[in-house]
């Protein structure tokens, strides 16, 4: 799937609160550094992982599942770090328990047409097989500092 830059920029700009499903407290895991990056960029990141419920990450208490997030948290994006076959019940729970939900984002390598269709049928935007951290860096200019995303491929300095 290909998503336009304006579409992704709109999703990342309007989002305020992200439930990160499958986040790890291990700092070398992608789910950890993605969630950490997003929290450092001003998003409220609510970590979701039943194996670490009750601990703290990024200034938030880890919750066991999406149903444990209070409605007043106003989660507007779910970022899913789970295998593709595990996505449908996560999306179902998000649609049932998160009234402010506007975006379902599936991480790199995660795609599920059934879950995407269910979310879209309820009016949510869906992104599959992309990372919000990488897209945020690309779209908001952070990768330029390291010489990436310039539109020019060269081996010259």
Protein backbone atom coordinates (compact mmCIF):
# COMPACT_ATOMS: atom_id res chain seq x y z
CA UNK A 1 0.00 0.00 0.00
CA UNK A 2 1.10 3.51 -0.71
CA UNK A 3 -0.06 6.45 1.37
CA UNK A 4 0.36 10.04 0.29
CA UNK A 5 2.58 12.32 2.31
CA UNK A 6 -0.26 14.81 2.97
CA UNK A 7 -2.44 11.97 4.30
CA UNK A 8 0.26 10.71 6.69
CA UNK A 9 1.17 14.25 7.75
CA UNK A 10 -2.50 14.95 8.54
CA UNK A 11 -2.77 11.81 10.69
CA UNK A 12 0.40 12.59 12.62
CA UNK A 13 -0.52 16.25 13.09
CA UNK A 14 -4.02 15.66 14.42
CA UNK A 15 -3.01 12.81 16.76
CA UNK A 16 -2.52 13.65 20.43
CA UNK A 17 -2.85 10.36 22.35
CA UNK A 18 -1.49 7.00 21.14
CA UNK A 19 -2.16 3.59 22.66
CA UNK A 20 0.89 1.50 21.78
CA UNK A 21 -0.15 -2.16 21.79
CA UNK A 22 2.70 -4.60 22.34
CA UNK A 23 5.19 -2.05 23.67
CA UNK A 24 8.24 -3.48 25.41
CA UNK A 25 10.10 -2.05 28.41
CA UNK A 26 13.32 -3.36 26.81
CA UNK A 27 15.03 -0.27 25.30
CA UNK A 28 16.54 -2.23 22.40
CA UNK A 29 13.16 -3.41 21.14
CA UNK A 30 11.65 -1.40 18.27
CA UNK A 31 8.35 -0.99 20.11
CA UNK A 32 10.19 0.70 22.98
CA UNK A 33 12.18 3.19 20.99
CA UNK A 34 9.27 4.02 18.69
CA UNK A 35 6.99 4.72 21.67
CA UNK A 36 9.76 6.66 23.43
CA UNK A 37 10.39 8.78 20.34
CA UNK A 38 6.68 9.56 19.99
CA UNK A 39 6.44 10.52 23.66
CA UNK A 40 9.45 12.83 23.27
CA UNK A 41 7.71 14.49 20.33
CA UNK A 42 4.78 15.52 22.51
CA UNK A 43 2.37 12.67 22.01
CA UNK A 44 0.88 11.08 25.08
CA UNK A 45 1.77 7.40 24.70
CA UNK A 46 -0.23 4.88 26.71
CA UNK A 47 1.70 1.59 26.81
CA UNK A 48 -0.37 -1.59 26.44
CA UNK A 49 1.19 -4.93 27.37
CA UNK A 50 -0.41 -7.52 29.70
CA UNK A 51 2.97 -8.93 30.71
CA UNK A 52 4.11 -5.58 32.12
CA UNK A 53 0.82 -4.11 33.38
CA UNK A 54 1.25 -1.86 36.39
CA UNK A 55 4.82 -0.85 35.60
CA UNK A 56 5.66 2.58 34.22
CA UNK A 57 6.93 3.62 30.79
CA UNK A 58 7.22 7.13 29.35
CA UNK A 59 5.49 8.61 32.40
CA UNK A 60 2.43 6.37 31.99
CA UNK A 61 1.30 3.19 33.72
CA UNK A 62 1.33 0.16 31.43
CA UNK A 63 -2.18 -1.21 31.00
CA UNK A 64 -3.00 -4.86 30.24
CA UNK A 65 -5.36 -4.17 27.32
CA UNK A 66 -7.26 -1.45 25.52
CA UNK A 67 -10.34 -1.96 27.68
CA UNK A 68 -8.31 -0.79 30.69
CA UNK A 69 -7.77 2.67 29.20
CA UNK A 70 -10.33 5.14 30.56
CA UNK A 71 -12.45 6.91 27.93
CA UNK A 72 -11.30 10.28 29.26
CA UNK A 73 -7.79 9.46 28.01
CA UNK A 74 -9.18 10.26 24.54
CA UNK A 75 -6.93 7.86 22.64
CA UNK A 76 -7.12 8.88 19.00
CA UNK A 77 -4.55 6.45 17.55
CA UNK A 78 -3.71 2.81 18.18
CA UNK A 79 -0.20 1.77 17.11
CA UNK A 80 -0.03 -2.02 16.81
CA UNK A 81 3.18 -3.98 17.41
CA UNK A 82 1.68 -7.46 17.08
CA UNK A 83 1.74 -10.10 14.37
CA UNK A 84 -0.79 -9.62 11.60
CA UNK A 85 -2.96 -12.56 12.68
CA UNK A 86 -3.40 -10.95 16.13
CA UNK A 87 -4.68 -7.64 14.78
CA UNK A 88 -8.46 -8.27 14.38
CA UNK A 89 -9.26 -8.65 18.11
CA UNK A 90 -7.07 -5.62 18.89
CA UNK A 91 -8.95 -3.49 16.38
CA UNK A 92 -12.29 -4.83 17.65
CA UNK A 93 -11.32 -3.86 21.21
CA UNK A 94 -10.14 -0.44 20.07
CA UNK A 95 -13.40 0.23 18.25
CA UNK A 96 -15.40 -0.92 21.28
CA UNK A 97 -13.48 0.81 24.07
CA UNK A 98 -11.86 3.93 22.57
CA UNK A 99 -14.59 6.42 21.61
CA UNK A 100 -12.14 9.08 20.35
CA UNK A 101 -10.30 6.63 18.06
CA UNK A 102 -9.56 8.09 14.62
CA UNK A 103 -6.53 6.12 13.39
CA UNK A 104 -5.45 2.49 13.42
CA UNK A 105 -1.75 2.22 12.60
CA UNK A 106 -0.11 -1.16 11.99
CA UNK A 107 3.65 -1.30 12.24
CA UNK A 108 6.14 -2.40 9.59
CA UNK A 109 5.35 -5.97 8.56
CA UNK A 110 1.85 -5.83 10.06
CA UNK A 111 -1.11 -5.98 7.69
CA UNK A 112 -4.63 -7.31 8.08
CA UNK A 113 -7.28 -6.51 5.48
CA UNK A 114 -10.16 -7.73 7.67
CA UNK A 115 -9.19 -5.49 10.58
CA UNK A 116 -8.50 -2.55 8.25
CA UNK A 117 -11.96 -2.92 6.67
CA UNK A 118 -13.63 -3.05 10.10
CA UNK A 119 -11.83 0.12 11.23
CA UNK A 120 -12.59 1.95 7.97
CA UNK A 121 -16.25 0.92 8.20
CA UNK A 122 -16.36 2.70 11.57
CA UNK A 123 -14.83 5.87 10.09
CA UNK A 124 -11.22 5.36 11.16
CA UNK A 125 -8.21 6.01 8.99
CA UNK A 126 -5.91 3.02 8.62
CA UNK A 127 -2.20 2.72 7.90
CA UNK A 128 -0.57 -0.67 7.41
CA UNK A 129 3.06 -1.75 7.18
CA UNK A 130 4.59 1.61 8.16
CA UNK A 131 6.18 3.06 11.29
CA UNK A 132 4.84 6.36 12.70
CA UNK A 133 8.31 7.20 14.07
CA UNK A 134 9.97 6.81 10.69
CA UNK A 135 7.17 8.68 8.93
CA UNK A 136 7.28 11.48 11.51
CA UNK A 137 11.03 11.85 11.04
CA UNK A 138 10.70 11.79 7.25
CA UNK A 139 7.74 14.15 6.99
CA UNK A 140 8.82 16.68 9.59
CA UNK A 141 12.41 17.01 8.43
CA UNK A 142 14.37 15.23 11.11
CA UNK A 143 16.10 12.84 8.75
CA UNK A 144 17.58 15.74 6.79
CA UNK A 145 19.98 16.41 9.68
CA UNK A 146 21.67 13.10 8.93
CA UNK A 147 21.67 13.67 5.18
CA UNK A 148 18.67 11.47 4.41
CA UNK A 149 15.44 12.39 2.66
CA UNK A 150 17.14 14.97 0.46
CA UNK A 151 15.85 13.45 -2.76
CA UNK A 152 19.43 13.06 -4.01
CA UNK A 153 21.34 9.81 -3.89
CA UNK A 154 25.08 10.39 -4.01
CA UNK A 155 28.29 9.00 -2.62
CA UNK A 156 29.91 12.46 -2.67
CA UNK A 157 30.26 14.49 0.52
